[in-house]
Amino acid sequence: MNETERLLEQVTTRVRDSAREHGKPLPAPLADGETDRAARILGFALPPLLAALYRRVGDGGFGPEYGLLPLREAIGAYEAGRACDWGWPEGVLPMADLGCAMYACVDCRSETAQVLLFEPNPGDPGLAWYHHAPSLEGWLRDWLAGAGWFGEEGEWDEDETRQGLWAEFRSRIAVGS
C-alpha cells in the first residue's frame, strides 16, 4: 500500500467515525466518470488525490471546518468566481468552506496540488490569496493530526495560516478581469 492509499484510508476512517459519532450519514461517493465530467466542464483535471476523495470517500460534506464542497458546488463556486469583478485565478478550485467567506482552494495546475487560502475580507483582490499548504496531501495530513489551522479552536496562529501572499494571482486571472 502506497502513501496515498494509506492517506485515503485514514481520511475514510475519520469520516466514518465522525459520521457515526454525530449520527449523520456519510455522503455518497461520486460515480465513476463524474470527476472526468467535472474536468470537461472546468477545462482542467482535478488533482488525483482530490478526485480520489470524491470517488472513494464521498461527495463533500466532510473534512476541515465546514467540509469539502460537493463537486457540483465547487464547480459552481469556481464559475461564479471566474465571472466576478475580482477575477478568480484560472485552475484554482474552491474545495472547502472555511467560514467567513473564506475557502481552501486547490491549485489544479500545481504539481503538488498546493492549497491556497482565499480570504476576501480585507476587500482587495490582490490581498485575498495566500499560500495555505504546499500540497493537498500535507493539508489533509494536518487536518488528520489536528495541526496548524485545524488545531483546537483559538489555538491557531493567523500568521502561520497565511504563509505569504500568492504571487501568481495576477498572472492567473483572465485578461480583462
N, C-alpha and C. Protein backbone atom coordinates (compact mmCIF):
# COMPACT_ATOMS: atom_id res chain seq x y z
N MET A 1 0.85 -1.18 0.00
CA MET A 1 0.00 0.00 0.00
C MET A 1 0.90 1.24 0.00
N ASN A 2 0.64 2.17 -0.94
CA ASN A 2 1.45 3.38 -1.00
C ASN A 2 0.91 4.45 -0.06
N GLU A 3 1.63 5.56 0.03
CA GLU A 3 1.27 6.64 0.97
C GLU A 3 -0.10 7.25 0.65
N THR A 4 -0.43 7.39 -0.63
CA THR A 4 -1.73 7.96 -1.00
C THR A 4 -2.85 7.04 -0.56
N GLU A 5 -2.69 5.75 -0.77
CA GLU A 5 -3.71 4.78 -0.35
C GLU A 5 -3.87 4.81 1.17
N ARG A 6 -2.76 4.89 1.88
CA ARG A 6 -2.80 4.96 3.34
C ARG A 6 -3.54 6.22 3.79
N LEU A 7 -3.26 7.35 3.15
CA LEU A 7 -3.92 8.61 3.48
C LEU A 7 -5.42 8.52 3.21
N LEU A 8 -5.80 7.95 2.07
CA LEU A 8 -7.23 7.80 1.76
C LEU A 8 -7.93 6.91 2.79
N GLU A 9 -7.26 5.87 3.25
CA GLU A 9 -7.84 5.01 4.30
C GLU A 9 -8.02 5.78 5.60
N GLN A 10 -7.02 6.59 5.96
CA GLN A 10 -7.11 7.38 7.19
C GLN A 10 -8.25 8.39 7.12
N VAL A 11 -8.39 9.05 5.98
CA VAL A 11 -9.49 10.02 5.81
C VAL A 11 -10.83 9.30 5.89
N THR A 12 -10.94 8.17 5.20
CA THR A 12 -12.19 7.40 5.21
C THR A 12 -12.56 6.98 6.63
N THR A 13 -11.59 6.49 7.38
CA THR A 13 -11.85 6.08 8.76
C THR A 13 -12.31 7.26 9.60
N ARG A 14 -11.63 8.39 9.46
CA ARG A 14 -12.01 9.58 10.24
C ARG A 14 -13.42 10.03 9.88
N VAL A 15 -13.74 10.04 8.60
CA VAL A 15 -15.06 10.48 8.14
C VAL A 15 -16.13 9.52 8.65
N ARG A 16 -15.91 8.22 8.54
CA ARG A 16 -16.88 7.23 9.04
C ARG A 16 -17.09 7.35 10.54
N ASP A 17 -15.98 7.50 11.29
CA ASP A 17 -16.09 7.62 12.74
C ASP A 17 -16.86 8.88 13.12
N SER A 18 -16.58 9.96 12.44
CA SER A 18 -17.27 11.23 12.72
C SER A 18 -18.75 11.12 12.38
N ALA A 19 -19.07 10.47 11.27
CA ALA A 19 -20.47 10.30 10.87
C ALA A 19 -21.22 9.48 11.92
N ARG A 20 -20.61 8.41 12.39
CA ARG A 20 -21.23 7.59 13.43
C ARG A 20 -21.42 8.37 14.72
N GLU A 21 -20.38 9.09 15.11
CA GLU A 21 -20.41 9.87 16.36
C GLU A 21 -21.50 10.94 16.34
N HIS A 22 -21.70 11.56 15.18
CA HIS A 22 -22.69 12.63 15.06
C HIS A 22 -24.04 12.16 14.53
N GLY A 23 -24.16 10.87 14.23
CA GLY A 23 -25.42 10.33 13.75
C GLY A 23 -25.81 10.84 12.38
N LYS A 24 -24.83 11.21 11.58
CA LYS A 24 -25.10 11.72 10.23
C LYS A 24 -24.65 10.68 9.21
N PRO A 25 -25.42 10.52 8.16
CA PRO A 25 -24.99 9.57 7.13
C PRO A 25 -23.80 10.13 6.34
N LEU A 26 -22.98 9.22 5.89
CA LEU A 26 -21.86 9.60 5.03
C LEU A 26 -22.37 10.10 3.69
N PRO A 27 -21.74 11.11 3.12
CA PRO A 27 -22.13 11.49 1.76
C PRO A 27 -21.72 10.35 0.81
N ALA A 28 -22.52 10.11 -0.18
CA ALA A 28 -22.21 9.04 -1.13
C ALA A 28 -21.03 9.46 -2.01
N PRO A 29 -20.15 8.53 -2.31
CA PRO A 29 -19.07 8.83 -3.27
C PRO A 29 -19.66 9.08 -4.65
N LEU A 30 -18.91 9.79 -5.46
CA LEU A 30 -19.35 10.03 -6.84
C LEU A 30 -19.21 8.76 -7.67
N ALA A 31 -20.06 8.65 -8.64
CA ALA A 31 -19.99 7.51 -9.57
C ALA A 31 -18.77 7.66 -10.47
N ASP A 32 -18.31 6.53 -10.98
CA ASP A 32 -17.20 6.57 -11.93
C ASP A 32 -17.55 7.51 -13.08
N GLY A 33 -16.61 8.28 -13.48
CA GLY A 33 -16.81 9.19 -14.61
C GLY A 33 -17.22 10.60 -14.21
N GLU A 34 -17.71 10.79 -12.97
CA GLU A 34 -18.16 12.13 -12.56
C GLU A 34 -17.01 13.12 -12.45
N THR A 35 -15.84 12.67 -11.98
CA THR A 35 -14.71 13.60 -11.90
C THR A 35 -14.19 13.93 -13.29
N ASP A 36 -14.30 12.98 -14.22
CA ASP A 36 -13.92 13.27 -15.61
C ASP A 36 -14.90 14.27 -16.23
N ARG A 37 -16.15 14.12 -15.92
CA ARG A 37 -17.17 15.06 -16.40
C ARG A 37 -16.90 16.46 -15.84
N ALA A 38 -16.53 16.52 -14.57
CA ALA A 38 -16.19 17.81 -13.95
C ALA A 38 -15.00 18.44 -14.66
N ALA A 39 -14.01 17.63 -15.00
CA ALA A 39 -12.82 18.14 -15.70
C ALA A 39 -13.20 18.73 -17.06
N ARG A 40 -14.13 18.10 -17.74
CA ARG A 40 -14.58 18.65 -19.04
C ARG A 40 -15.28 19.99 -18.84
N ILE A 41 -16.09 20.11 -17.80
CA ILE A 41 -16.80 21.36 -17.52
C ILE A 41 -15.81 22.46 -17.15
N LEU A 42 -14.86 22.12 -16.28
CA LEU A 42 -13.91 23.11 -15.77
C LEU A 42 -12.84 23.49 -16.79
N GLY A 43 -12.49 22.54 -17.65
CA GLY A 43 -11.40 22.78 -18.60
C GLY A 43 -10.04 22.38 -18.05
N PHE A 44 -10.01 21.70 -16.92
CA PHE A 44 -8.78 21.18 -16.34
C PHE A 44 -9.14 20.00 -15.44
N ALA A 45 -8.16 19.12 -15.26
CA ALA A 45 -8.38 17.93 -14.44
C ALA A 45 -8.23 18.25 -12.96
N LEU A 46 -8.98 17.51 -12.15
CA LEU A 46 -8.80 17.59 -10.71
C LEU A 46 -7.49 16.88 -10.35
N PRO A 47 -6.80 17.34 -9.30
CA PRO A 47 -5.64 16.57 -8.85
C PRO A 47 -6.09 15.16 -8.48
N PRO A 48 -5.26 14.16 -8.76
CA PRO A 48 -5.66 12.77 -8.49
C PRO A 48 -6.14 12.52 -7.07
N LEU A 49 -5.50 13.12 -6.07
CA LEU A 49 -5.93 12.89 -4.70
C LEU A 49 -7.31 13.47 -4.45
N LEU A 50 -7.60 14.65 -4.96
CA LEU A 50 -8.93 15.25 -4.78
C LEU A 50 -9.99 14.40 -5.49
N ALA A 51 -9.69 13.97 -6.71
CA ALA A 51 -10.63 13.11 -7.43
C ALA A 51 -10.89 11.82 -6.65
N ALA A 52 -9.84 11.27 -6.06
CA ALA A 52 -10.00 10.03 -5.28
C ALA A 52 -10.85 10.27 -4.04
N LEU A 53 -10.72 11.42 -3.40
CA LEU A 53 -11.56 11.73 -2.24
C LEU A 53 -13.03 11.72 -2.65
N TYR A 54 -13.34 12.36 -3.76
CA TYR A 54 -14.72 12.42 -4.23
C TYR A 54 -15.25 11.04 -4.64
N ARG A 55 -14.40 10.22 -5.27
CA ARG A 55 -14.85 8.91 -5.75
C ARG A 55 -14.87 7.85 -4.67
N ARG A 56 -13.99 7.96 -3.68
CA ARG A 56 -13.86 6.88 -2.71
C ARG A 56 -14.38 7.21 -1.32
N VAL A 57 -14.34 8.48 -0.93
CA VAL A 57 -14.79 8.84 0.42
C VAL A 57 -16.21 9.37 0.36
N GLY A 58 -16.45 10.41 -0.43
CA GLY A 58 -17.79 10.97 -0.54
C GLY A 58 -17.79 12.28 -1.30
N ASP A 59 -18.96 12.68 -1.71
CA ASP A 59 -19.11 13.92 -2.47
C ASP A 59 -19.28 15.11 -1.53
N GLY A 60 -18.20 15.43 -0.83
CA GLY A 60 -18.19 16.59 0.06
C GLY A 60 -18.89 16.32 1.38
N GLY A 61 -18.98 17.40 2.17
CA GLY A 61 -19.65 17.32 3.46
C GLY A 61 -18.80 16.77 4.58
N PHE A 62 -17.54 16.52 4.33
CA PHE A 62 -16.64 16.01 5.36
C PHE A 62 -15.33 16.79 5.26
N GLY A 63 -14.57 16.72 6.33
CA GLY A 63 -13.26 17.35 6.31
C GLY A 63 -13.19 18.60 7.15
N PRO A 64 -12.15 19.39 6.94
CA PRO A 64 -11.89 20.58 7.75
C PRO A 64 -13.02 21.60 7.74
N GLU A 65 -13.17 22.27 8.86
CA GLU A 65 -14.15 23.35 9.05
C GLU A 65 -15.53 22.90 8.59
N TYR A 66 -16.13 23.57 7.58
CA TYR A 66 -17.46 23.20 7.12
C TYR A 66 -17.41 22.08 6.09
N GLY A 67 -16.24 21.59 5.80
CA GLY A 67 -16.06 20.42 4.96
C GLY A 67 -15.83 20.70 3.50
N LEU A 68 -15.43 19.64 2.81
CA LEU A 68 -15.26 19.73 1.37
C LEU A 68 -16.59 20.05 0.73
N LEU A 69 -16.54 20.88 -0.28
CA LEU A 69 -17.75 21.20 -1.03
C LEU A 69 -18.13 20.02 -1.90
N PRO A 70 -19.42 19.74 -2.04
CA PRO A 70 -19.82 18.78 -3.07
C PRO A 70 -19.25 19.26 -4.41
N LEU A 71 -18.88 18.35 -5.27
CA LEU A 71 -18.18 18.72 -6.50
C LEU A 71 -18.98 19.71 -7.35
N ARG A 72 -20.29 19.51 -7.47
CA ARG A 72 -21.09 20.46 -8.25
C ARG A 72 -21.04 21.86 -7.64
N GLU A 73 -21.05 21.93 -6.32
CA GLU A 73 -20.97 23.23 -5.63
C GLU A 73 -19.59 23.87 -5.85
N ALA A 74 -18.54 23.06 -5.83
CA ALA A 74 -17.19 23.57 -6.09
C ALA A 74 -17.10 24.14 -7.51
N ILE A 75 -17.68 23.42 -8.47
CA ILE A 75 -17.69 23.90 -9.85
C ILE A 75 -18.47 25.21 -9.94
N GLY A 76 -19.62 25.27 -9.30
CA GLY A 76 -20.42 26.50 -9.31
C GLY A 76 -19.68 27.67 -8.68
N ALA A 77 -18.99 27.43 -7.57
CA ALA A 77 -18.22 28.50 -6.92
C ALA A 77 -17.07 28.95 -7.81
N TYR A 78 -16.43 28.01 -8.51
CA TYR A 78 -15.35 28.36 -9.43
C TYR A 78 -15.89 29.22 -10.58
N GLU A 79 -16.98 28.78 -11.18
CA GLU A 79 -17.56 29.54 -12.29
C GLU A 79 -18.01 30.93 -11.85
N ALA A 80 -18.62 31.03 -10.67
CA ALA A 80 -19.04 32.33 -10.15
C ALA A 80 -17.83 33.22 -9.89
N GLY A 81 -16.79 32.65 -9.34
CA GLY A 81 -15.57 33.41 -9.10
C GLY A 81 -14.95 33.92 -10.39
N ARG A 82 -14.92 33.07 -11.39
CA ARG A 82 -14.34 33.46 -12.68
C ARG A 82 -15.15 34.59 -13.34
N ALA A 83 -16.45 34.63 -13.06
CA ALA A 83 -17.32 35.64 -13.68
C ALA A 83 -17.37 36.95 -12.89
N CYS A 84 -16.86 36.97 -11.66
CA CYS A 84 -16.99 38.17 -10.83
C CYS A 84 -15.91 39.20 -11.15
N ASP A 85 -16.13 40.41 -10.68
CA ASP A 85 -15.21 41.51 -10.93
C ASP A 85 -13.84 41.32 -10.28
N TRP A 86 -13.76 40.48 -9.27
CA TRP A 86 -12.49 40.27 -8.58
C TRP A 86 -11.47 39.53 -9.42
N GLY A 87 -11.93 38.74 -10.36
CA GLY A 87 -11.01 37.94 -11.17
C GLY A 87 -10.48 36.75 -10.39
N TRP A 88 -11.10 35.62 -10.59
CA TRP A 88 -10.70 34.38 -9.92
C TRP A 88 -9.62 33.71 -10.76
N PRO A 89 -8.53 33.24 -10.16
CA PRO A 89 -7.44 32.62 -10.91
C PRO A 89 -7.86 31.34 -11.64
N GLU A 90 -7.40 31.20 -12.86
CA GLU A 90 -7.68 30.02 -13.67
C GLU A 90 -7.04 28.80 -13.00
N GLY A 91 -7.82 27.71 -12.93
CA GLY A 91 -7.31 26.45 -12.41
C GLY A 91 -7.29 26.33 -10.89
N VAL A 92 -7.85 27.30 -10.20
CA VAL A 92 -7.87 27.26 -8.73
C VAL A 92 -9.30 26.96 -8.28
N LEU A 93 -9.51 25.75 -7.81
CA LEU A 93 -10.84 25.26 -7.47
C LEU A 93 -11.12 25.40 -5.98
N PRO A 94 -12.19 26.13 -5.61
CA PRO A 94 -12.58 26.15 -4.19
C PRO A 94 -12.96 24.72 -3.79
N MET A 95 -12.41 24.25 -2.68
CA MET A 95 -12.72 22.86 -2.32
C MET A 95 -13.29 22.73 -0.92
N ALA A 96 -13.05 23.72 -0.04
CA ALA A 96 -13.57 23.61 1.32
C ALA A 96 -13.99 24.98 1.83
N ASP A 97 -15.14 25.00 2.46
CA ASP A 97 -15.68 26.21 3.06
C ASP A 97 -15.07 26.37 4.45
N LEU A 98 -14.33 27.45 4.66
CA LEU A 98 -13.70 27.69 5.95
C LEU A 98 -14.48 28.69 6.80
N GLY A 99 -15.62 29.14 6.30
CA GLY A 99 -16.43 30.11 7.02
C GLY A 99 -15.96 31.53 6.77
N CYS A 100 -16.79 32.50 7.11
CA CYS A 100 -16.48 33.93 6.97
C CYS A 100 -16.04 34.28 5.55
N ALA A 101 -16.65 33.66 4.54
CA ALA A 101 -16.37 33.89 3.11
C ALA A 101 -15.01 33.36 2.67
N MET A 102 -14.35 32.60 3.51
CA MET A 102 -13.03 32.06 3.16
C MET A 102 -13.18 30.64 2.61
N TYR A 103 -12.29 30.33 1.67
CA TYR A 103 -12.23 29.00 1.08
C TYR A 103 -10.80 28.48 1.11
N ALA A 104 -10.66 27.19 1.28
CA ALA A 104 -9.43 26.49 0.96
C ALA A 104 -9.60 26.09 -0.50
N CYS A 105 -8.63 26.42 -1.31
CA CYS A 105 -8.71 26.15 -2.75
C CYS A 105 -7.50 25.32 -3.16
N VAL A 106 -7.70 24.46 -4.12
CA VAL A 106 -6.59 23.66 -4.62
C VAL A 106 -6.18 24.20 -5.99
N ASP A 107 -4.88 24.40 -6.15
CA ASP A 107 -4.34 24.85 -7.43
C ASP A 107 -4.18 23.62 -8.30
N CYS A 108 -5.10 23.43 -9.20
CA CYS A 108 -5.12 22.23 -10.03
C CYS A 108 -4.00 22.23 -11.07
N ARG A 109 -3.31 23.35 -11.24
CA ARG A 109 -2.17 23.43 -12.16
C ARG A 109 -0.85 23.17 -11.45
N SER A 110 -0.88 23.07 -10.15
CA SER A 110 0.33 22.83 -9.37
C SER A 110 0.64 21.33 -9.33
N GLU A 111 1.90 20.97 -9.49
CA GLU A 111 2.29 19.56 -9.46
C GLU A 111 1.96 18.91 -8.12
N THR A 112 2.01 19.69 -7.05
CA THR A 112 1.75 19.15 -5.71
C THR A 112 0.31 19.38 -5.26
N ALA A 113 -0.50 20.02 -6.11
CA ALA A 113 -1.86 20.39 -5.73
C ALA A 113 -1.81 21.28 -4.49
N GLN A 114 -1.01 22.36 -4.59
CA GLN A 114 -0.88 23.25 -3.44
C GLN A 114 -2.24 23.80 -3.04
N VAL A 115 -2.39 24.08 -1.76
CA VAL A 115 -3.64 24.60 -1.23
C VAL A 115 -3.45 26.08 -0.92
N LEU A 116 -4.40 26.87 -1.43
CA LEU A 116 -4.39 28.31 -1.24
C LEU A 116 -5.54 28.71 -0.34
N LEU A 117 -5.33 29.76 0.41
CA LEU A 117 -6.38 30.32 1.25
C LEU A 117 -6.93 31.55 0.53
N PHE A 118 -8.23 31.54 0.24
CA PHE A 118 -8.91 32.71 -0.30
C PHE A 118 -9.58 33.40 0.87
N GLU A 119 -9.10 34.61 1.18
CA GLU A 119 -9.59 35.37 2.33
C GLU A 119 -9.94 36.77 1.85
N PRO A 120 -11.19 36.97 1.38
CA PRO A 120 -11.55 38.24 0.76
C PRO A 120 -11.88 39.37 1.72
N ASN A 121 -11.87 39.10 3.00
CA ASN A 121 -12.35 40.09 3.96
C ASN A 121 -11.57 41.40 4.00
N PRO A 122 -10.29 41.45 3.61
CA PRO A 122 -9.64 42.76 3.54
C PRO A 122 -10.22 43.67 2.46
N GLY A 123 -10.96 43.07 1.49
CA GLY A 123 -11.61 43.87 0.46
C GLY A 123 -10.77 44.19 -0.76
N ASP A 124 -9.61 43.58 -0.89
CA ASP A 124 -8.71 43.83 -2.02
C ASP A 124 -8.33 42.50 -2.65
N PRO A 125 -8.68 42.29 -3.94
CA PRO A 125 -8.36 41.00 -4.57
C PRO A 125 -6.88 40.66 -4.51
N GLY A 126 -6.02 41.64 -4.58
CA GLY A 126 -4.59 41.39 -4.53
C GLY A 126 -4.09 40.94 -3.17
N LEU A 127 -4.92 41.11 -2.15
CA LEU A 127 -4.55 40.71 -0.79
C LEU A 127 -5.40 39.56 -0.28
N ALA A 128 -6.07 38.87 -1.19
CA ALA A 128 -7.01 37.82 -0.79
C ALA A 128 -6.46 36.40 -0.92
N TRP A 129 -5.31 36.23 -1.55
CA TRP A 129 -4.79 34.89 -1.85
C TRP A 129 -3.49 34.62 -1.11
N TYR A 130 -3.49 33.57 -0.32
CA TYR A 130 -2.32 33.20 0.48
C TYR A 130 -1.96 31.74 0.24
N HIS A 131 -0.67 31.45 0.40
CA HIS A 131 -0.25 30.04 0.45
C HIS A 131 -0.79 29.47 1.76
N HIS A 132 -1.41 28.31 1.67
CA HIS A 132 -2.00 27.69 2.86
C HIS A 132 -1.28 26.40 3.21
N ALA A 133 -0.98 25.59 2.20
CA ALA A 133 -0.23 24.35 2.40
C ALA A 133 0.47 24.01 1.09
N PRO A 134 1.69 23.48 1.17
CA PRO A 134 2.43 23.17 -0.07
C PRO A 134 1.77 22.09 -0.93
N SER A 135 0.90 21.27 -0.30
CA SER A 135 0.26 20.20 -1.07
C SER A 135 -1.07 19.82 -0.44
N LEU A 136 -1.95 19.26 -1.25
CA LEU A 136 -3.22 18.75 -0.75
C LEU A 136 -2.96 17.61 0.24
N GLU A 137 -1.99 16.79 -0.06
CA GLU A 137 -1.65 15.69 0.84
C GLU A 137 -1.26 16.24 2.22
N GLY A 138 -0.40 17.24 2.26
CA GLY A 138 0.02 17.83 3.53
C GLY A 138 -1.13 18.49 4.27
N TRP A 139 -2.01 19.15 3.52
CA TRP A 139 -3.18 19.80 4.10
C TRP A 139 -4.07 18.78 4.79
N LEU A 140 -4.29 17.64 4.12
CA LEU A 140 -5.10 16.57 4.72
C LEU A 140 -4.41 15.95 5.93
N ARG A 141 -3.11 15.77 5.86
CA ARG A 141 -2.38 15.21 7.00
C ARG A 141 -2.46 16.15 8.21
N ASP A 142 -2.37 17.46 7.96
CA ASP A 142 -2.52 18.42 9.07
C ASP A 142 -3.91 18.31 9.69
N TRP A 143 -4.92 18.17 8.85
CA TRP A 143 -6.29 18.02 9.35
C TRP A 143 -6.41 16.76 10.21
N LEU A 144 -5.88 15.65 9.71
CA LEU A 144 -5.95 14.40 10.47
C LEU A 144 -5.22 14.50 11.80
N ALA A 145 -4.12 15.26 11.81
CA ALA A 145 -3.31 15.39 13.03
C ALA A 145 -3.80 16.50 13.95
N GLY A 146 -4.75 17.32 13.47
CA GLY A 146 -5.21 18.45 14.27
C GLY A 146 -4.14 19.51 14.41
N ALA A 147 -3.30 19.65 13.39
CA ALA A 147 -2.19 20.60 13.44
C ALA A 147 -2.54 21.90 12.71
N GLY A 148 -1.78 22.95 12.98
CA GLY A 148 -1.93 24.23 12.29
C GLY A 148 -3.34 24.79 12.42
N TRP A 149 -3.92 25.13 11.30
CA TRP A 149 -5.26 25.71 11.21
C TRP A 149 -6.28 24.83 11.90
N PHE A 150 -6.05 23.54 11.87
CA PHE A 150 -7.03 22.57 12.34
C PHE A 150 -6.89 22.21 13.82
N GLY A 151 -6.03 22.94 14.55
CA GLY A 151 -5.88 22.69 15.98
C GLY A 151 -7.13 23.11 16.73
N GLU A 152 -7.10 22.96 18.01
CA GLU A 152 -8.27 23.32 18.80
C GLU A 152 -8.58 24.79 18.63
N GLU A 153 -9.86 25.11 18.67
CA GLU A 153 -10.33 26.48 18.45
C GLU A 153 -9.56 27.45 19.34
N GLY A 154 -9.13 28.55 18.71
CA GLY A 154 -8.43 29.59 19.44
C GLY A 154 -6.94 29.34 19.58
N GLU A 155 -6.45 28.19 19.11
CA GLU A 155 -5.03 27.89 19.29
C GLU A 155 -4.22 28.04 18.02
N TRP A 156 -4.84 28.37 16.90
CA TRP A 156 -4.06 28.50 15.67
C TRP A 156 -3.54 29.92 15.55
N ASP A 157 -2.41 30.03 14.90
CA ASP A 157 -1.74 31.31 14.71
C ASP A 157 -2.04 31.81 13.30
N GLU A 158 -2.69 32.97 13.22
CA GLU A 158 -3.09 33.51 11.92
C GLU A 158 -1.89 33.68 11.00
N ASP A 159 -0.74 34.09 11.52
CA ASP A 159 0.45 34.27 10.69
C ASP A 159 0.95 32.93 10.15
N GLU A 160 0.77 31.85 10.93
CA GLU A 160 1.16 30.52 10.48
C GLU A 160 0.24 30.06 9.35
N THR A 161 -1.03 30.43 9.44
CA THR A 161 -2.01 30.03 8.45
C THR A 161 -1.76 30.72 7.12
N ARG A 162 -1.44 31.98 7.17
CA ARG A 162 -1.15 32.76 5.97
C ARG A 162 0.35 32.75 5.76
N GLN A 163 0.80 31.89 4.90
CA GLN A 163 2.23 31.71 4.69
C GLN A 163 2.76 32.65 3.62
N GLY A 164 2.15 33.77 3.44
CA GLY A 164 2.58 34.74 2.45
C GLY A 164 1.59 34.83 1.31
N LEU A 165 1.54 36.00 0.72
CA LEU A 165 0.66 36.20 -0.43
C LEU A 165 1.08 35.30 -1.58
N TRP A 166 0.10 34.86 -2.33
CA TRP A 166 0.34 34.02 -3.50
C TRP A 166 0.71 34.93 -4.66
N ALA A 167 1.94 34.90 -5.07
CA ALA A 167 2.47 35.81 -6.10
C ALA A 167 1.88 35.57 -7.49
N GLU A 168 1.39 34.37 -7.77
CA GLU A 168 0.88 34.05 -9.10
C GLU A 168 -0.53 34.58 -9.37
N PHE A 169 -1.17 35.19 -8.38
CA PHE A 169 -2.56 35.63 -8.53
C PHE A 169 -2.78 36.42 -9.81
N ARG A 170 -2.07 37.48 -10.01
CA ARG A 170 -2.31 38.38 -11.17
C ARG A 170 -2.09 37.67 -12.50
N SER A 171 -1.11 36.79 -12.57
CA SER A 171 -0.83 36.12 -13.83
C SER A 171 -1.84 35.03 -14.17
N ARG A 172 -2.69 34.66 -13.22
CA ARG A 172 -3.62 33.56 -13.44
C ARG A 172 -5.06 34.02 -13.63
N ILE A 173 -5.32 35.32 -13.64
CA ILE A 173 -6.67 35.78 -13.90
C ILE A 173 -6.81 36.11 -15.37
N ALA A 174 -8.02 36.01 -15.86
CA ALA A 174 -8.28 36.22 -17.28
C ALA A 174 -8.00 37.67 -17.67
N VAL A 175 -7.54 37.86 -18.90
CA VAL A 175 -7.33 39.19 -19.44
C VAL A 175 -8.66 39.91 -19.43
N GLY A 176 -8.67 41.13 -18.95
CA GLY A 176 -9.89 41.91 -18.90
C GLY A 176 -10.62 41.78 -17.58
N SER A 177 -10.10 40.93 -16.68
CA SER A 177 -10.74 40.79 -15.36
C SER A 177 -10.28 41.87 -14.44
